[in-house]
Every structure is written in structure tokens, then in C-alpha cells.
Amino acid sequence: MIGRLNHVAIAVPDLEAASAQYRDALGANVGAPQDEPDHGVTVVFIELPNTKIELLYPLGDNSPIQAFLDKNPSGGIHHVCYEVDDILAARDHLKSTGARVLGDGNPKIGAHGKPVLFLHPKDFNGTLVELEEA
């Protein structure tokens, strides 16, 4: 059911510093920051030959990333994102196996302009999983 790894998301306490580190120290192609108010984050995508890194920074008072950074002040891996062909079929299949879909269970539009869902980390070995329709 899952396809390729779309991205690994890393929560960061300083978006400019993290972007500069990837650009200057690692020589990566670093995109511009984009606000995603529906998700409470500002994101920067780093393009790699085989996938992407998504830097996450809190946007607004109710950002889930701020709660993550409160527990992990240096930042860290927040989630992994896999592509699926049909997000509603994937959701229904996962729910039938007992996996918990976060939120109201309906996809939201993600940073790439495509529908996304998040799966409870306790159901996936402690890892928050995002699914994005390819």
C-alpha cells in the first residue's frame, strides 16, 4: 500500500539556522519558508536526490510543533511521510486493521497541496506517520 518515502520531518528551534546549516554545511538545495496555518507550522523543504527533508517550525500559539520542542528543545525527527495512491482507501484499510487516524479522520491539504493524514505513533512503533496522496 505505501509507496516511496516522501520526506522525513525534523522539528527545529531556529528555522533560519537549520536552513543555513543544510545549505552551507551540507550543500543542499534549500527552499523558501512557507507558512501552513492549517497545520500550525512554517516549513522549509530540502530537496535531496531520492527524497526530501522537511524542517518544521511552530506557527501560532497552538502549534503542535511548539509542544514537541517544549519536550525536545534541540529539536529532532518529528515524523516520516509515505506516499499512497489513494488516501481514502489507505485510511479505510488502516482503520480496518485497528490503526488510529489522528484528527477527525478526514484528509487535510498538506504543504505540497495534496491530501494528507497522520497516524497515531503508538500504532507504528513510536513513529508519527504521515500519508500523502501521490
C-alpha atoms as a PDB file:
ATOM      1  CA  MET A   1       0.000   0.000   0.000  1.00  0.00           C
ATOM      2  CA  ILE A   2       2.675   2.592   0.891  1.00  0.00           C
ATOM      3  CA  GLY A   3       4.845   3.930  -1.862  1.00  0.00           C
ATOM      4  CA  ARG A   4       8.030   5.869  -1.721  1.00  0.00           C
ATOM      5  CA  LEU A   5       9.321   7.858   1.230  1.00  0.00           C
ATOM      6  CA  ASN A   6       8.194  11.420   0.525  1.00  0.00           C
ATOM      7  CA  HIS A   7      10.051  13.142   3.366  1.00  0.00           C
ATOM      8  CA  VAL A   8      11.440  12.992   6.877  1.00  0.00           C
ATOM      9  CA  ALA A   9      10.283  15.921   9.017  1.00  0.00           C
ATOM     10  CA  ILE A  10      12.564  17.492  11.612  1.00  0.00           C
ATOM     11  CA  ALA A  11      11.276  19.979  14.185  1.00  0.00           C
ATOM     12  CA  VAL A  12      13.780  22.800  14.676  1.00  0.00           C
ATOM     13  CA  PRO A  13      14.032  25.575  17.280  1.00  0.00           C
ATOM     14  CA  ASP A  14      15.604  28.020  14.786  1.00  0.00           C
ATOM     15  CA  LEU A  15      14.409  27.717  11.190  1.00  0.00           C
ATOM     16  CA  GLU A  16      16.947  30.159   9.722  1.00  0.00           C
ATOM     17  CA  ALA A  17      19.891  28.460  11.435  1.00  0.00           C
ATOM     18  CA  ALA A  18      18.743  24.989  10.409  1.00  0.00           C
ATOM     19  CA  SER A  19      18.197  26.105   6.805  1.00  0.00           C
ATOM     20  CA  ALA A  20      21.645  27.694   6.710  1.00  0.00           C
ATOM     21  CA  GLN A  21      23.226  24.542   8.124  1.00  0.00           C
ATOM     22  CA  TYR A  22      21.735  22.350   5.394  1.00  0.00           C
ATOM     23  CA  ARG A  23      22.563  24.911   2.691  1.00  0.00           C
ATOM     24  CA  ASP A  24      26.048  25.977   3.811  1.00  0.00           C
ATOM     25  CA  ALA A  25      27.479  22.953   5.616  1.00  0.00           C
ATOM     26  CA  LEU A  26      25.820  20.177   3.596  1.00  0.00           C
ATOM     27  CA  GLY A  27      25.435  21.959   0.254  1.00  0.00           C
ATOM     28  CA  ALA A  28      21.745  21.077  -0.016  1.00  0.00           C
ATOM     29  CA  ASN A  29      19.103  22.760  -2.168  1.00  0.00           C
ATOM     30  CA  VAL A  30      17.024  24.567   0.479  1.00  0.00           C
ATOM     31  CA  GLY A  31      13.609  26.004  -0.393  1.00  0.00           C
ATOM     32  CA  ALA A  32      11.953  29.142   0.939  1.00  0.00           C
ATOM     33  CA  PRO A  33       9.907  29.069   4.148  1.00  0.00           C
ATOM     34  CA  GLN A  34       6.180  28.571   3.657  1.00  0.00           C
ATOM     35  CA  ASP A  35       3.527  29.051   6.306  1.00  0.00           C
ATOM     36  CA  GLU A  36       0.944  26.293   6.687  1.00  0.00           C
ATOM     37  CA  PRO A  37      -1.655  27.818   9.054  1.00  0.00           C
ATOM     38  CA  ASP A  38      -3.978  24.777   8.889  1.00  0.00           C
ATOM     39  CA  HIS A  39      -1.182  22.683  10.380  1.00  0.00           C
ATOM     40  CA  GLY A  40       0.314  25.333  12.691  1.00  0.00           C
ATOM     41  CA  VAL A  41       3.765  25.203  11.102  1.00  0.00           C
ATOM     42  CA  THR A  42       6.215  27.011   8.908  1.00  0.00           C
ATOM     43  CA  VAL A  43       8.054  24.555   6.684  1.00  0.00           C
ATOM     44  CA  VAL A  44      11.213  24.545   4.614  1.00  0.00           C
ATOM     45  CA  PHE A  45      11.810  21.700   2.184  1.00  0.00           C
ATOM     46  CA  ILE A  46      15.294  20.457   1.445  1.00  0.00           C
ATOM     47  CA  GLU A  47      15.467  18.631  -1.876  1.00  0.00           C
ATOM     48  CA  LEU A  48      17.603  15.508  -1.980  1.00  0.00           C
ATOM     49  CA  PRO A  49      18.138  13.236  -4.993  1.00  0.00           C
ATOM     50  CA  ASN A  50      15.890  10.498  -3.561  1.00  0.00           C
ATOM     51  CA  THR A  51      13.573  12.269  -1.084  1.00  0.00           C
ATOM     52  CA  LYS A  52      13.128  15.469   0.926  1.00  0.00           C
ATOM     53  CA  ILE A  53      13.796  16.737   4.430  1.00  0.00           C
ATOM     54  CA  GLU A  54      11.067  18.961   5.862  1.00  0.00           C
ATOM     55  CA  LEU A  55      12.139  21.431   8.535  1.00  0.00           C
ATOM     56  CA  LEU A  56       9.221  22.298  10.840  1.00  0.00           C
ATOM     57  CA  TYR A  57       8.953  25.428  12.946  1.00  0.00           C
ATOM     58  CA  PRO A  58       5.979  26.496  15.110  1.00  0.00           C
ATOM     59  CA  LEU A  59       3.433  28.878  13.602  1.00  0.00           C
ATOM     60  CA  GLY A  60       0.937  30.377  16.034  1.00  0.00           C
ATOM     61  CA  ASP A  61       0.176  29.731  19.680  1.00  0.00           C
ATOM     62  CA  ASN A  62      -1.434  26.316  19.201  1.00  0.00           C
ATOM     63  CA  SER A  63       1.272  24.769  17.060  1.00  0.00           C
ATOM     64  CA  PRO A  64       1.821  21.059  17.746  1.00  0.00           C
ATOM     65  CA  ILE A  65       5.469  21.669  16.897  1.00  0.00           C
ATOM     66  CA  GLN A  66       5.843  24.011  19.878  1.00  0.00           C
ATOM     67  CA  ALA A  67       4.682  21.211  22.173  1.00  0.00           C
ATOM     68  CA  PHE A  68       7.242  18.897  20.539  1.00  0.00           C
ATOM     69  CA  LEU A  69      10.016  21.489  21.001  1.00  0.00           C
ATOM     70  CA  ASP A  70       8.988  22.046  24.635  1.00  0.00           C
ATOM     71  CA  LYS A  71       9.784  18.353  25.210  1.00  0.00           C
ATOM     72  CA  ASN A  72      12.784  18.337  22.844  1.00  0.00           C
ATOM     73  CA  PRO A  73      14.392  21.802  22.987  1.00  0.00           C
ATOM     74  CA  SER A  74      17.115  20.907  20.482  1.00  0.00           C
ATOM     75  CA  GLY A  75      14.536  19.618  18.001  1.00  0.00           C
ATOM     76  CA  GLY A  76      14.521  16.200  16.384  1.00  0.00           C
ATOM     77  CA  ILE A  77      12.770  13.883  13.979  1.00  0.00           C
ATOM     78  CA  HIS A  78       9.037  14.570  14.144  1.00  0.00           C
ATOM     79  CA  HIS A  79       7.537  12.230  11.515  1.00  0.00           C
ATOM     80  CA  VAL A  80       8.062  10.274   8.334  1.00  0.00           C
ATOM     81  CA  CYS A  81       5.817  10.708   5.290  1.00  0.00           C
ATOM     82  CA  TYR A  82       4.951   7.927   2.860  1.00  0.00           C
ATOM     83  CA  GLU A  83       3.115   8.304  -0.410  1.00  0.00           C
ATOM     84  CA  VAL A  84      -0.089   6.370  -1.139  1.00  0.00           C
ATOM     85  CA  ASP A  85      -2.062   6.177  -4.376  1.00  0.00           C
ATOM     86  CA  ASP A  86      -5.481   6.652  -2.766  1.00  0.00           C
ATOM     87  CA  ILE A  87      -5.546   8.275   0.661  1.00  0.00           C
ATOM     88  CA  LEU A  88      -9.175   7.389   1.418  1.00  0.00           C
ATOM     89  CA  ALA A  89      -8.630   3.717   0.541  1.00  0.00           C
ATOM     90  CA  ALA A  90      -5.445   3.727   2.646  1.00  0.00           C
ATOM     91  CA  ARG A  91      -7.307   5.329   5.571  1.00  0.00           C
ATOM     92  CA  ASP A  92     -10.146   2.807   5.395  1.00  0.00           C
ATOM     93  CA  HIS A  93      -7.744  -0.131   5.176  1.00  0.00           C
ATOM     94  CA  LEU A  94      -5.658   1.124   8.102  1.00  0.00           C
ATOM     95  CA  LYS A  95      -8.721   1.731  10.263  1.00  0.00           C
ATOM     96  CA  SER A  96      -9.900  -1.828   9.497  1.00  0.00           C
ATOM     97  CA  THR A  97      -6.594  -3.115  10.909  1.00  0.00           C
ATOM     98  CA  GLY A  98      -7.025  -1.091  14.113  1.00  0.00           C
ATOM     99  CA  ALA A  99      -4.692   1.789  13.265  1.00  0.00           C
ATOM    100  CA  ARG A 100      -5.776   5.175  14.604  1.00  0.00           C
ATOM    101  CA  VAL A 101      -6.011   8.138  12.263  1.00  0.00           C
ATOM    102  CA  LEU A 102      -5.414  11.429  14.062  1.00  0.00           C
ATOM    103  CA  GLY A 103      -7.863  14.319  13.954  1.00  0.00           C
ATOM    104  CA  ASP A 104     -11.328  13.751  12.565  1.00  0.00           C
ATOM    105  CA  GLY A 105     -10.104  11.105  10.125  1.00  0.00           C
ATOM    106  CA  ASN A 106     -10.553  13.293   7.080  1.00  0.00           C
ATOM    107  CA  PRO A 107      -7.556  14.353   4.975  1.00  0.00           C
ATOM    108  CA  LYS A 108      -6.300  17.936   5.068  1.00  0.00           C
ATOM    109  CA  ILE A 109      -4.328  19.601   2.326  1.00  0.00           C
ATOM    110  CA  GLY A 110      -0.625  19.441   3.146  1.00  0.00           C
ATOM    111  CA  ALA A 111       2.366  21.586   2.244  1.00  0.00           C
ATOM    112  CA  HIS A 112       2.622  20.024  -1.223  1.00  0.00           C
ATOM    113  CA  GLY A 113      -1.017  20.842  -1.989  1.00  0.00           C
ATOM    114  CA  LYS A 114      -2.061  17.193  -1.716  1.00  0.00           C
ATOM    115  CA  PRO A 115      -4.292  15.408   0.822  1.00  0.00           C
ATOM    116  CA  VAL A 116      -2.533  14.126   3.957  1.00  0.00           C
ATOM    117  CA  LEU A 117      -3.403  12.134   7.078  1.00  0.00           C
ATOM    118  CA  PHE A 118      -1.447  11.361  10.233  1.00  0.00           C
ATOM    119  CA  LEU A 119      -1.401   8.005  12.013  1.00  0.00           C
ATOM    120  CA  HIS A 120      -1.007   7.588  15.763  1.00  0.00           C
ATOM    121  CA  PRO A 121       2.630   6.916  16.747  1.00  0.00           C
ATOM    122  CA  LYS A 122       1.636   4.263  19.287  1.00  0.00           C
ATOM    123  CA  ASP A 123       0.342   2.172  16.394  1.00  0.00           C
ATOM    124  CA  PHE A 124       3.614   2.458  14.424  1.00  0.00           C
ATOM    125  CA  ASN A 125       6.481   1.679  16.796  1.00  0.00           C
ATOM    126  CA  GLY A 126       6.556   5.150  18.354  1.00  0.00           C
ATOM    127  CA  THR A 127       6.769   6.947  14.997  1.00  0.00           C
ATOM    128  CA  LEU A 128       4.281   9.549  13.822  1.00  0.00           C
ATOM    129  CA  VAL A 129       3.426   8.597  10.237  1.00  0.00           C
ATOM    130  CA  GLU A 130       2.058  10.976   7.628  1.00  0.00           C
ATOM    131  CA  LEU A 131       0.435   9.631   4.484  1.00  0.00           C
ATOM    132  CA  GLU A 132       0.295  11.833   1.399  1.00  0.00           C
ATOM    133  CA  GLU A 133      -1.678  11.038  -1.721  1.00  0.00           C
ATOM    134  CA  ALA A 134       0.737  10.803  -4.646  1.00  0.00           C
END
